[in-house]
Amino acid sequence: VQLVESGGGLVQPGGSLRLSCAASGSISSIYPMGWYRQAPGKERELVATISRVGTTGYADSVKGRFTIFRDNARTTVYLQMISLKPEDTATYYCSSQGVYWGQGTQVTVSS
C-alpha cells in the first residue's frame, strides 16, 4: 500500500484546509485509515479515523472542527479542517491500519 498526502500549507488562525490521502497498491484492505499528526518535540497523535464501513472517530481536541471522509471509490481519504488554531500546527500523516504511512504534509497555523 502506498499513501500520498497533499493539501498542507500555511493558514491563518480560524482558517481552513483540506488534506488528501490517495492510496494505491493493495487497496482491497486499506481500512481502517487514519490521520495522525506530530508537532515538533511531541509524540505522534491520532487525529481521526475512518473504518471500512465509514464509522469515524476523532481526538477530543479536534471534534467539531475536523471531518474525515472519503471518495466513492474509497481510495482517497480526506481531512477537512476548519477553525484552525496555532496548536494544530504539525506534520500530518495518513496511515492505513497503522502499518502503512505516507510521507506527511506540513500544516502551519500562524498569523
PDB file of N, CA and C in Angstrom:
ATOM      1  N   VAL A   1       0.848  -1.179   0.000  1.00  0.00           N
ATOM      2  CA  VAL A   1       0.000   0.000   0.000  1.00  0.00           C
ATOM      3  C   VAL A   1       0.894   1.243   0.000  1.00  0.00           C
ATOM      4  N   GLN A   2       0.610   2.141  -0.915  1.00  0.00           N
ATOM      5  CA  GLN A   2       1.326   3.417  -0.956  1.00  0.00           C
ATOM      6  C   GLN A   2       0.318   4.525  -0.665  1.00  0.00           C
ATOM      7  N   LEU A   3       0.748   5.461   0.156  1.00  0.00           N
ATOM      8  CA  LEU A   3      -0.114   6.569   0.559  1.00  0.00           C
ATOM      9  C   LEU A   3       0.592   7.882   0.237  1.00  0.00           C
ATOM     10  N   VAL A   4      -0.117   8.781  -0.406  1.00  0.00           N
ATOM     11  CA  VAL A   4       0.451  10.077  -0.758  1.00  0.00           C
ATOM     12  C   VAL A   4      -0.478  11.172  -0.251  1.00  0.00           C
ATOM     13  N   GLU A   5       0.040  11.989   0.657  1.00  0.00           N
ATOM     14  CA  GLU A   5      -0.734  13.103   1.206  1.00  0.00           C
ATOM     15  C   GLU A   5      -0.491  14.368   0.409  1.00  0.00           C
ATOM     16  N   SER A   6      -1.454  15.250   0.454  1.00  0.00           N
ATOM     17  CA  SER A   6      -1.318  16.573  -0.131  1.00  0.00           C
ATOM     18  C   SER A   6      -2.291  17.508   0.560  1.00  0.00           C
ATOM     19  N   GLY A   7      -2.091  18.809   0.336  1.00  0.00           N
ATOM     20  CA  GLY A   7      -3.045  19.785   0.830  1.00  0.00           C
ATOM     21  C   GLY A   7      -2.586  20.610   2.004  1.00  0.00           C
ATOM     22  N   GLY A   8      -1.407  20.351   2.539  1.00  0.00           N
ATOM     23  CA  GLY A   8      -0.932  21.149   3.653  1.00  0.00           C
ATOM     24  C   GLY A   8      -0.524  22.538   3.212  1.00  0.00           C
ATOM     25  N   GLY A   9      -0.212  23.378   4.186  1.00  0.00           N
ATOM     26  CA  GLY A   9       0.215  24.726   3.866  1.00  0.00           C
ATOM     27  C   GLY A   9       0.154  25.626   5.068  1.00  0.00           C
ATOM     28  N   LEU A  10       0.291  26.910   4.796  1.00  0.00           N
ATOM     29  CA  LEU A  10       0.243  27.938   5.824  1.00  0.00           C
ATOM     30  C   LEU A  10      -1.133  28.593   5.805  1.00  0.00           C
ATOM     31  N   VAL A  11      -1.752  28.683   6.967  1.00  0.00           N
ATOM     32  CA  VAL A  11      -3.079  29.275   7.064  1.00  0.00           C
ATOM     33  C   VAL A  11      -3.166  30.107   8.333  1.00  0.00           C
ATOM     34  N   GLN A  12      -3.974  31.138   8.302  1.00  0.00           N
ATOM     35  CA  GLN A  12      -4.140  31.977   9.480  1.00  0.00           C
ATOM     36  C   GLN A  12      -5.068  31.299  10.485  1.00  0.00           C
ATOM     37  N   PRO A  13      -4.943  31.648  11.753  1.00  0.00           N
ATOM     38  CA  PRO A  13      -5.882  31.113  12.751  1.00  0.00           C
ATOM     39  C   PRO A  13      -7.323  31.391  12.337  1.00  0.00           C
ATOM     40  N   GLY A  14      -8.170  30.382  12.509  1.00  0.00           N
ATOM     41  CA  GLY A  14      -9.553  30.489  12.080  1.00  0.00           C
ATOM     42  C   GLY A  14      -9.792  30.031  10.656  1.00  0.00           C
ATOM     43  N   GLY A  15      -8.725  29.777   9.933  1.00  0.00           N
ATOM     44  CA  GLY A  15      -8.833  29.365   8.543  1.00  0.00           C
ATOM     45  C   GLY A  15      -9.118  27.881   8.380  1.00  0.00           C
ATOM     46  N   SER A  16      -9.148  27.454   7.118  1.00  0.00           N
ATOM     47  CA  SER A  16      -9.490  26.071   6.792  1.00  0.00           C
ATOM     48  C   SER A  16      -8.474  25.486   5.824  1.00  0.00           C
ATOM     49  N   LEU A  17      -8.342  24.176   5.882  1.00  0.00           N
ATOM     50  CA  LEU A  17      -7.537  23.424   4.930  1.00  0.00           C
ATOM     51  C   LEU A  17      -8.173  22.065   4.734  1.00  0.00           C
ATOM     52  N   ARG A  18      -7.944  21.484   3.582  1.00  0.00           N
ATOM     53  CA  ARG A  18      -8.379  20.116   3.333  1.00  0.00           C
ATOM     54  C   ARG A  18      -7.169  19.295   2.919  1.00  0.00           C
ATOM     55  N   LEU A  19      -6.899  18.243   3.657  1.00  0.00           N
ATOM     56  CA  LEU A  19      -5.830  17.328   3.326  1.00  0.00           C
ATOM     57  C   LEU A  19      -6.395  16.140   2.567  1.00  0.00           C
ATOM     58  N   SER A  20      -5.586  15.607   1.661  1.00  0.00           N
ATOM     59  CA  SER A  20      -5.981  14.429   0.890  1.00  0.00           C
ATOM     60  C   SER A  20      -4.951  13.333   1.071  1.00  0.00           C
ATOM     61  N   CYS A  21      -5.407  12.103   1.027  1.00  0.00           N
ATOM     62  CA  CYS A  21      -4.526  10.932   1.115  1.00  0.00           C
ATOM     63  C   CYS A  21      -4.989   9.935   0.062  1.00  0.00           C
ATOM     64  N   ALA A  22      -4.169   9.774  -0.959  1.00  0.00           N
ATOM     65  CA  ALA A  22      -4.502   8.856  -2.045  1.00  0.00           C
ATOM     66  C   ALA A  22      -3.777   7.538  -1.831  1.00  0.00           C
ATOM     67  N   ALA A  23      -4.550   6.455  -1.827  1.00  0.00           N
ATOM     68  CA  ALA A  23      -3.982   5.127  -1.625  1.00  0.00           C
ATOM     69  C   ALA A  23      -3.861   4.396  -2.953  1.00  0.00           C
ATOM     70  N   SER A  24      -2.799   3.625  -3.085  1.00  0.00           N
ATOM     71  CA  SER A  24      -2.608   2.789  -4.267  1.00  0.00           C
ATOM     72  C   SER A  24      -1.921   1.498  -3.840  1.00  0.00           C
ATOM     73  N   GLY A  25      -1.876   0.562  -4.775  1.00  0.00           N
ATOM     74  CA  GLY A  25      -1.286  -0.733  -4.455  1.00  0.00           C
ATOM     75  C   GLY A  25      -2.356  -1.727  -4.042  1.00  0.00           C
ATOM     76  N   SER A  26      -2.115  -2.451  -2.981  1.00  0.00           N
ATOM     77  CA  SER A  26      -3.059  -3.466  -2.499  1.00  0.00           C
ATOM     78  C   SER A  26      -4.147  -2.792  -1.671  1.00  0.00           C
ATOM     79  N   ILE A  27      -5.095  -2.177  -2.374  1.00  0.00           N
ATOM     80  CA  ILE A  27      -6.076  -1.337  -1.694  1.00  0.00           C
ATOM     81  C   ILE A  27      -7.299  -2.098  -1.228  1.00  0.00           C
ATOM     82  N   SER A  28      -7.324  -3.397  -1.404  1.00  0.00           N
ATOM     83  CA  SER A  28      -8.515  -4.154  -1.015  1.00  0.00           C
ATOM     84  C   SER A  28      -8.733  -4.169   0.487  1.00  0.00           C
ATOM     85  N   SER A  29      -7.671  -3.901   1.262  1.00  0.00           N
ATOM     86  CA  SER A  29      -7.808  -3.976   2.719  1.00  0.00           C
ATOM     87  C   SER A  29      -7.087  -2.806   3.386  1.00  0.00           C
ATOM     88  N   ILE A  30      -7.312  -1.606   2.897  1.00  0.00           N
ATOM     89  CA  ILE A  30      -6.593  -0.463   3.438  1.00  0.00           C
ATOM     90  C   ILE A  30      -7.235   0.100   4.698  1.00  0.00           C
ATOM     91  N   TYR A  31      -8.436  -0.317   5.001  1.00  0.00           N
ATOM     92  CA  TYR A  31      -9.116   0.240   6.160  1.00  0.00           C
ATOM     93  C   TYR A  31      -8.873  -0.599   7.408  1.00  0.00           C
ATOM     94  N   PRO A  32      -8.864   0.005   8.586  1.00  0.00           N
ATOM     95  CA  PRO A  32      -9.176   1.402   8.836  1.00  0.00           C
ATOM     96  C   PRO A  32      -8.046   2.340   8.415  1.00  0.00           C
ATOM     97  N   MET A  33      -8.411   3.539   8.084  1.00  0.00           N
ATOM     98  CA  MET A  33      -7.446   4.562   7.744  1.00  0.00           C
ATOM     99  C   MET A  33      -7.565   5.704   8.743  1.00  0.00           C
ATOM    100  N   GLY A  34      -6.462   6.393   8.900  1.00  0.00           N
ATOM    101  CA  GLY A  34      -6.476   7.464   9.881  1.00  0.00           C
ATOM    102  C   GLY A  34      -5.527   8.585   9.536  1.00  0.00           C
ATOM    103  N   TRP A  35      -5.774   9.710  10.151  1.00  0.00           N
ATOM    104  CA  TRP A  35      -4.867  10.852  10.088  1.00  0.00           C
ATOM    105  C   TRP A  35      -4.228  11.015  11.464  1.00  0.00           C
ATOM    106  N   TYR A  36      -2.928  11.190  11.442  1.00  0.00           N
ATOM    107  CA  TYR A  36      -2.157  11.441  12.647  1.00  0.00           C
ATOM    108  C   TYR A  36      -1.410  12.761  12.452  1.00  0.00           C
ATOM    109  N   ARG A  37      -0.911  13.292  13.545  1.00  0.00           N
ATOM    110  CA  ARG A  37      -0.079  14.493  13.433  1.00  0.00           C
ATOM    111  C   ARG A  37       1.017  14.453  14.474  1.00  0.00           C
ATOM    112  N   GLN A  38       2.098  15.124  14.143  1.00  0.00           N
ATOM    113  CA  GLN A  38       3.232  15.210  15.052  1.00  0.00           C
ATOM    114  C   GLN A  38       3.792  16.619  15.017  1.00  0.00           C
ATOM    115  N   ALA A  39       3.755  17.251  16.162  1.00  0.00           N
ATOM    116  CA  ALA A  39       4.332  18.585  16.297  1.00  0.00           C
ATOM    117  C   ALA A  39       5.767  18.447  16.792  1.00  0.00           C
ATOM    118  N   PRO A  40       6.604  19.446  16.536  1.00  0.00           N
ATOM    119  CA  PRO A  40       7.998  19.373  16.984  1.00  0.00           C
ATOM    120  C   PRO A  40       8.100  19.133  18.487  1.00  0.00           C
ATOM    121  N   GLY A  41       8.903  18.138  18.859  1.00  0.00           N
ATOM    122  CA  GLY A  41       9.110  17.844  20.267  1.00  0.00           C
ATOM    123  C   GLY A  41       7.994  17.069  20.923  1.00  0.00           C
ATOM    124  N   LYS A  42       6.997  16.679  20.136  1.00  0.00           N
ATOM    125  CA  LYS A  42       5.864  15.947  20.702  1.00  0.00           C
ATOM    126  C   LYS A  42       5.716  14.589  20.025  1.00  0.00           C
ATOM    127  N   GLU A  43       4.993  13.712  20.685  1.00  0.00           N
ATOM    128  CA  GLU A  43       4.742  12.401  20.105  1.00  0.00           C
ATOM    129  C   GLU A  43       3.661  12.494  19.030  1.00  0.00           C
ATOM    130  N   ARG A  44       3.693  11.535  18.129  1.00  0.00           N
ATOM    131  CA  ARG A  44       2.658  11.465  17.110  1.00  0.00           C
ATOM    132  C   ARG A  44       1.332  11.105  17.773  1.00  0.00           C
ATOM    133  N   GLU A  45       0.271  11.805  17.368  1.00  0.00           N
ATOM    134  CA  GLU A  45      -1.032  11.554  17.961  1.00  0.00           C
ATOM    135  C   GLU A  45      -2.076  11.279  16.881  1.00  0.00           C
ATOM    136  N   LEU A  46      -3.040  10.463  17.253  1.00  0.00           N
ATOM    137  CA  LEU A  46      -4.135  10.155  16.350  1.00  0.00           C
ATOM    138  C   LEU A  46      -5.116  11.315  16.309  1.00  0.00           C
ATOM    139  N   VAL A  47      -5.498  11.688  15.113  1.00  0.00           N
ATOM    140  CA  VAL A  47      -6.416  12.816  14.932  1.00  0.00           C
ATOM    141  C   VAL A  47      -7.809  12.334  14.570  1.00  0.00           C
ATOM    142  N   ALA A  48      -7.895  11.453  13.572  1.00  0.00           N
ATOM    143  CA  ALA A  48      -9.193  10.985  13.102  1.00  0.00           C
ATOM    144  C   ALA A  48      -9.031   9.645  12.409  1.00  0.00           C
ATOM    145  N   THR A  49     -10.079   8.843  12.468  1.00  0.00           N
ATOM    146  CA  THR A  49     -10.066   7.542  11.802  1.00  0.00           C
ATOM    147  C   THR A  49     -11.365   7.314  11.052  1.00  0.00           C
ATOM    148  N   ILE A  50     -11.291   6.436  10.070  1.00  0.00           N
ATOM    149  CA  ILE A  50     -12.486   6.020   9.341  1.00  0.00           C
ATOM    150  C   ILE A  50     -12.364   4.530   9.048  1.00  0.00           C
ATOM    151  N   SER A  51     -13.443   3.810   9.306  1.00  0.00           N
ATOM    152  CA  SER A  51     -13.426   2.362   9.119  1.00  0.00           C
ATOM    153  C   SER A  51     -13.892   1.989   7.725  1.00  0.00           C
ATOM    154  N   ARG A  52     -13.834   0.711   7.445  1.00  0.00           N
ATOM    155  CA  ARG A  52     -14.264   0.208   6.133  1.00  0.00           C
ATOM    156  C   ARG A  52     -15.730   0.553   5.865  1.00  0.00           C
ATOM    157  N   VAL A  53     -16.533   0.535   6.910  1.00  0.00           N
ATOM    158  CA  VAL A  53     -17.966   0.815   6.716  1.00  0.00           C
ATOM    159  C   VAL A  53     -18.299   2.285   6.912  1.00  0.00           C
ATOM    160  N   GLY A  54     -17.273   3.090   7.177  1.00  0.00           N
ATOM    161  CA  GLY A  54     -17.495   4.529   7.248  1.00  0.00           C
ATOM    162  C   GLY A  54     -17.649   5.105   8.639  1.00  0.00           C
ATOM    163  N   THR A  55     -17.470   4.294   9.645  1.00  0.00           N
ATOM    164  CA  THR A  55     -17.525   4.806  11.014  1.00  0.00           C
ATOM    165  C   THR A  55     -16.320   5.705  11.267  1.00  0.00           C
ATOM    166  N   THR A  56     -16.557   6.857  11.857  1.00  0.00           N
ATOM    167  CA  THR A  56     -15.480   7.807  12.097  1.00  0.00           C
ATOM    168  C   THR A  56     -15.239   8.021  13.587  1.00  0.00           C
ATOM    169  N   GLY A  57     -14.028   8.459  13.903  1.00  0.00           N
ATOM    170  CA  GLY A  57     -13.670   8.776  15.276  1.00  0.00           C
ATOM    171  C   GLY A  57     -12.696   9.929  15.280  1.00  0.00           C
ATOM    172  N   TYR A  58     -12.718  10.711  16.351  1.00  0.00           N
ATOM    173  CA  TYR A  58     -11.895  11.911  16.415  1.00  0.00           C
ATOM    174  C   TYR A  58     -11.257  12.080  17.790  1.00  0.00           C
ATOM    175  N   ALA A  59     -10.093  12.701  17.786  1.00  0.00           N
ATOM    176  CA  ALA A  59      -9.491  13.125  19.042  1.00  0.00           C
ATOM    177  C   ALA A  59     -10.340  14.253  19.618  1.00  0.00           C
ATOM    178  N   ASP A  60     -10.398  14.325  20.937  1.00  0.00           N
ATOM    179  CA  ASP A  60     -11.210  15.369  21.574  1.00  0.00           C
ATOM    180  C   ASP A  60     -10.795  16.765  21.127  1.00  0.00           C
ATOM    181  N   SER A  61      -9.518  16.939  20.876  1.00  0.00           N
ATOM    182  CA  SER A  61      -9.001  18.268  20.536  1.00  0.00           C
ATOM    183  C   SER A  61      -9.482  18.775  19.186  1.00  0.00           C
ATOM    184  N   VAL A  62     -10.005  17.885  18.336  1.00  0.00           N
ATOM    185  CA  VAL A  62     -10.420  18.318  17.004  1.00  0.00           C
ATOM    186  C   VAL A  62     -11.906  18.098  16.736  1.00  0.00           C
ATOM    187  N   LYS A  63     -12.608  17.501  17.678  1.00  0.00           N
ATOM    188  CA  LYS A  63     -14.033  17.243  17.475  1.00  0.00           C
ATOM    189  C   LYS A  63     -14.787  18.542  17.187  1.00  0.00           C
ATOM    190  N   GLY A  64     -15.629  18.486  16.175  1.00  0.00           N
ATOM    191  CA  GLY A  64     -16.396  19.663  15.795  1.00  0.00           C
ATOM    192  C   GLY A  64     -15.670  20.583  14.839  1.00  0.00           C
ATOM    193  N   ARG A  65     -14.375  20.356  14.656  1.00  0.00           N
ATOM    194  CA  ARG A  65     -13.603  21.207  13.750  1.00  0.00           C
ATOM    195  C   ARG A  65     -13.049  20.423  12.554  1.00  0.00           C
ATOM    196  N   PHE A  66     -12.730  19.158  12.759  1.00  0.00           N
ATOM    197  CA  PHE A  66     -12.164  18.337  11.691  1.00  0.00           C
ATOM    198  C   PHE A  66     -13.181  17.277  11.278  1.00  0.00           C
ATOM    199  N   THR A  67     -13.175  16.968   9.996  1.00  0.00           N
ATOM    200  CA  THR A  67     -14.044  15.918   9.468  1.00  0.00           C
ATOM    201  C   THR A  67     -13.241  15.016   8.553  1.00  0.00           C
ATOM    202  N   ILE A  68     -13.299  13.720   8.811  1.00  0.00           N
ATOM    203  CA  ILE A  68     -12.650  12.742   7.937  1.00  0.00           C
ATOM    204  C   ILE A  68     -13.719  12.130   7.040  1.00  0.00           C
ATOM    205  N   PHE A  69     -13.419  12.018   5.756  1.00  0.00           N
ATOM    206  CA  PHE A  69     -14.360  11.412   4.826  1.00  0.00           C
ATOM    207  C   PHE A  69     -13.568  10.846   3.650  1.00  0.00           C
ATOM    208  N   ARG A  70     -14.254  10.171   2.758  1.00  0.00           N
ATOM    209  CA  ARG A  70     -13.557   9.517   1.648  1.00  0.00           C
ATOM    210  C   ARG A  70     -14.366   9.666   0.360  1.00  0.00           C
ATOM    211  N   ASP A  71     -13.716   9.346  -0.733  1.00  0.00           N
ATOM    212  CA  ASP A  71     -14.420   9.407  -2.017  1.00  0.00           C
ATOM    213  C   ASP A  71     -15.212   8.115  -2.226  1.00  0.00           C
ATOM    214  N   ASN A  72     -16.024   8.108  -3.271  1.00  0.00           N
ATOM    215  CA  ASN A  72     -16.889   6.950  -3.510  1.00  0.00           C
ATOM    216  C   ASN A  72     -16.097   5.687  -3.809  1.00  0.00           C
ATOM    217  N   ALA A  73     -14.930   5.839  -4.396  1.00  0.00           N
ATOM    218  CA  ALA A  73     -14.095   4.674  -4.705  1.00  0.00           C
ATOM    219  C   ALA A  73     -13.376   4.142  -3.476  1.00  0.00           C
ATOM    220  N   ARG A  74     -13.468   4.900  -2.384  1.00  0.00           N
ATOM    221  CA  ARG A  74     -12.844   4.510  -1.112  1.00  0.00           C
ATOM    222  C   ARG A  74     -11.328   4.398  -1.194  1.00  0.00           C
ATOM    223  N   THR A  75     -10.730   5.110  -2.152  1.00  0.00           N
ATOM    224  CA  THR A  75      -9.272   5.055  -2.274  1.00  0.00           C
ATOM    225  C   THR A  75      -8.598   6.353  -1.878  1.00  0.00           C
ATOM    226  N   THR A  76      -9.386   7.384  -1.659  1.00  0.00           N
ATOM    227  CA  THR A  76      -8.840   8.659  -1.205  1.00  0.00           C
ATOM    228  C   THR A  76      -9.582   9.082   0.049  1.00  0.00           C
ATOM    229  N   VAL A  77      -8.817   9.405   1.064  1.00  0.00           N
ATOM    230  CA  VAL A  77      -9.382   9.845   2.330  1.00  0.00           C
ATOM    231  C   VAL A  77      -8.997  11.295   2.548  1.00  0.00           C
ATOM    232  N   TYR A  78      -9.931  12.063   3.026  1.00  0.00           N
ATOM    233  CA  TYR A  78      -9.723  13.488   3.219  1.00  0.00           C
ATOM    234  C   TYR A  78      -9.829  13.857   4.707  1.00  0.00           C
ATOM    235  N   LEU A  79      -9.205  14.976   5.034  1.00  0.00           N
ATOM    236  CA  LEU A  79      -9.378  15.552   6.359  1.00  0.00           C
ATOM    237  C   LEU A  79      -9.697  17.023   6.153  1.00  0.00           C
ATOM    238  N   GLN A  80     -10.942  17.368   6.358  1.00  0.00           N
ATOM    239  CA  GLN A  80     -11.362  18.763   6.277  1.00  0.00           C
ATOM    240  C   GLN A  80     -11.168  19.398   7.641  1.00  0.00           C
ATOM    241  N   MET A  81     -10.412  20.481   7.665  1.00  0.00           N
ATOM    242  CA  MET A  81     -10.090  21.153   8.924  1.00  0.00           C
ATOM    243  C   MET A  81     -10.593  22.587   8.856  1.00  0.00           C
ATOM    244  N   ILE A  82     -11.386  22.971   9.843  1.00  0.00           N
ATOM    245  CA  ILE A  82     -11.887  24.339   9.930  1.00  0.00           C
ATOM    246  C   ILE A  82     -11.529  24.913  11.293  1.00  0.00           C
ATOM    247  N   SER A  83     -11.706  26.211  11.430  1.00  0.00           N
ATOM    248  CA  SER A  83     -11.412  26.877  12.705  1.00  0.00           C
ATOM    249  C   SER A  83     -10.045  26.473  13.243  1.00  0.00           C
ATOM    250  N   LEU A  84      -9.065  26.508  12.370  1.00  0.00           N
ATOM    251  CA  LEU A  84      -7.734  26.052  12.750  1.00  0.00           C
ATOM    252  C   LEU A  84      -7.113  26.963  13.801  1.00  0.00           C
ATOM    253  N   LYS A  85      -6.343  26.327  14.677  1.00  0.00           N
ATOM    254  CA  LYS A  85      -5.682  27.021  15.777  1.00  0.00           C
ATOM    255  C   LYS A  85      -4.168  26.840  15.645  1.00  0.00           C
ATOM    256  N   PRO A  86      -3.405  27.734  16.237  1.00  0.00           N
ATOM    257  CA  PRO A  86      -1.944  27.563  16.186  1.00  0.00           C
ATOM    258  C   PRO A  86      -1.492  26.199  16.711  1.00  0.00           C
ATOM    259  N   GLU A  87      -2.201  25.676  17.677  1.00  0.00           N
ATOM    260  CA  GLU A  87      -1.813  24.370  18.226  1.00  0.00           C
ATOM    261  C   GLU A  87      -2.098  23.199  17.289  1.00  0.00           C
ATOM    262  N   ASP A  88      -2.753  23.472  16.171  1.00  0.00           N
ATOM    263  CA  ASP A  88      -2.935  22.440  15.156  1.00  0.00           C
ATOM    264  C   ASP A  88      -1.710  22.318  14.251  1.00  0.00           C
ATOM    265  N   THR A  89      -0.765  23.213  14.418  1.00  0.00           N
ATOM    266  CA  THR A  89       0.457  23.170  13.620  1.00  0.00           C
ATOM    267  C   THR A  89       1.202  21.867  13.860  1.00  0.00           C
ATOM    268  N   ALA A  90       1.476  21.142  12.778  1.00  0.00           N
ATOM    269  CA  ALA A  90       2.141  19.846  12.878  1.00  0.00           C
ATOM    270  C   ALA A  90       2.354  19.288  11.480  1.00  0.00           C
ATOM    271  N   THR A  91       3.096  18.207  11.426  1.00  0.00           N
ATOM    272  CA  THR A  91       3.143  17.412  10.209  1.00  0.00           C
ATOM    273  C   THR A  91       2.038  16.374  10.310  1.00  0.00           C
ATOM    274  N   TYR A  92       1.197  16.323   9.306  1.00  0.00           N
ATOM    275  CA  TYR A  92       0.064  15.411   9.299  1.00  0.00           C
ATOM    276  C   TYR A  92       0.382  14.207   8.412  1.00  0.00           C
ATOM    277  N   TYR A  93       0.098  13.036   8.962  1.00  0.00           N
ATOM    278  CA  TYR A  93       0.377  11.789   8.264  1.00  0.00           C
ATOM    279  C   TYR A  93      -0.903  10.991   8.073  1.00  0.00           C
ATOM    280  N   CYS A  94      -0.984  10.363   6.939  1.00  0.00           N
ATOM    281  CA  CYS A  94      -2.057   9.435   6.652  1.00  0.00           C
ATOM    282  C   CYS A  94      -1.535   8.019   6.912  1.00  0.00           C
ATOM    283  N   SER A  95      -2.394   7.172   7.444  1.00  0.00           N
ATOM    284  CA  SER A  95      -1.978   5.806   7.711  1.00  0.00           C
ATOM    285  C   SER A  95      -3.074   4.813   7.359  1.00  0.00           C
ATOM    286  N   SER A  96      -2.636   3.681   6.875  1.00  0.00           N
ATOM    287  CA  SER A  96      -3.530   2.556   6.634  1.00  0.00           C
ATOM    288  C   SER A  96      -3.221   1.480   7.673  1.00  0.00           C
ATOM    289  N   GLN A  97      -4.196   1.220   8.510  1.00  0.00           N
ATOM    290  CA  GLN A  97      -4.100   0.160   9.516  1.00  0.00           C
ATOM    291  C   GLN A  97      -3.000   0.401  10.535  1.00  0.00           C
ATOM    292  N   GLY A  98      -2.471   1.588  10.557  1.00  0.00           N
ATOM    293  CA  GLY A  98      -1.367   1.873  11.464  1.00  0.00           C
ATOM    294  C   GLY A  98      -0.080   1.193  11.047  1.00  0.00           C
ATOM    295  N   VAL A  99      -0.090   0.663   9.832  1.00  0.00           N
ATOM    296  CA  VAL A  99       1.066  -0.084   9.318  1.00  0.00           C
ATOM    297  C   VAL A  99       1.750   0.673   8.183  1.00  0.00           C
ATOM    298  N   TYR A 100       0.941   1.159   7.279  1.00  0.00           N
ATOM    299  CA  TYR A 100       1.470   1.891   6.129  1.00  0.00           C
ATOM    300  C   TYR A 100       1.296   3.389   6.378  1.00  0.00           C
ATOM    301  N   TRP A 101       2.307   4.146   5.982  1.00  0.00           N
ATOM    302  CA  TRP A 101       2.329   5.580   6.259  1.00  0.00           C
ATOM    303  C   TRP A 101       2.689   6.374   5.031  1.00  0.00           C
ATOM    304  N   GLY A 102       2.095   7.549   4.937  1.00  0.00           N
ATOM    305  CA  GLY A 102       2.506   8.481   3.910  1.00  0.00           C
ATOM    306  C   GLY A 102       3.713   9.255   4.364  1.00  0.00           C
ATOM    307  N   GLN A 103       4.150  10.177   3.509  1.00  0.00           N
ATOM    308  CA  GLN A 103       5.361  10.936   3.792  1.00  0.00           C
ATOM    309  C   GLN A 103       5.109  12.136   4.683  1.00  0.00           C
ATOM    310  N   GLY A 104       3.850  12.487   4.845  1.00  0.00           N
ATOM    311  CA  GLY A 104       3.492  13.617   5.692  1.00  0.00           C
ATOM    312  C   GLY A 104       3.339  14.903   4.912  1.00  0.00           C
ATOM    313  N   THR A 105       2.492  15.771   5.428  1.00  0.00           N
ATOM    314  CA  THR A 105       2.293  17.093   4.843  1.00  0.00           C
ATOM    315  C   THR A 105       2.228  18.107   5.981  1.00  0.00           C
ATOM    316  N   GLN A 106       2.920  19.215   5.797  1.00  0.00           N
ATOM    317  CA  GLN A 106       3.045  20.208   6.870  1.00  0.00           C
ATOM    318  C   GLN A 106       1.843  21.140   6.891  1.00  0.00           C
ATOM    319  N   VAL A 107       1.303  21.329   8.077  1.00  0.00           N
ATOM    320  CA  VAL A 107       0.244  22.309   8.304  1.00  0.00           C
ATOM    321  C   VAL A 107       0.766  23.308   9.327  1.00  0.00           C
ATOM    322  N   THR A 108       0.770  24.569   8.941  1.00  0.00           N
ATOM    323  CA  THR A 108       1.222  25.627   9.836  1.00  0.00           C
ATOM    324  C   THR A 108       0.105  26.639   9.988  1.00  0.00           C
ATOM    325  N   VAL A 109      -0.296  26.872  11.225  1.00  0.00           N
ATOM    326  CA  VAL A 109      -1.362  27.833  11.518  1.00  0.00           C
ATOM    327  C   VAL A 109      -0.724  29.008  12.252  1.00  0.00           C
ATOM    328  N   SER A 110      -0.653  30.116  11.561  1.00  0.00           N
ATOM    329  CA  SER A 110       0.043  31.261  12.121  1.00  0.00           C
ATOM    330  C   SER A 110      -0.424  32.536  11.441  1.00  0.00           C
ATOM    331  N   SER A 111      -0.421  33.623  12.206  1.00  0.00           N
ATOM    332  CA  SER A 111      -0.761  34.909  11.627  1.00  0.00           C
ATOM    333  C   SER A 111       0.495  35.642  11.181  1.00  0.00           C
TER     334      SER A 111
END
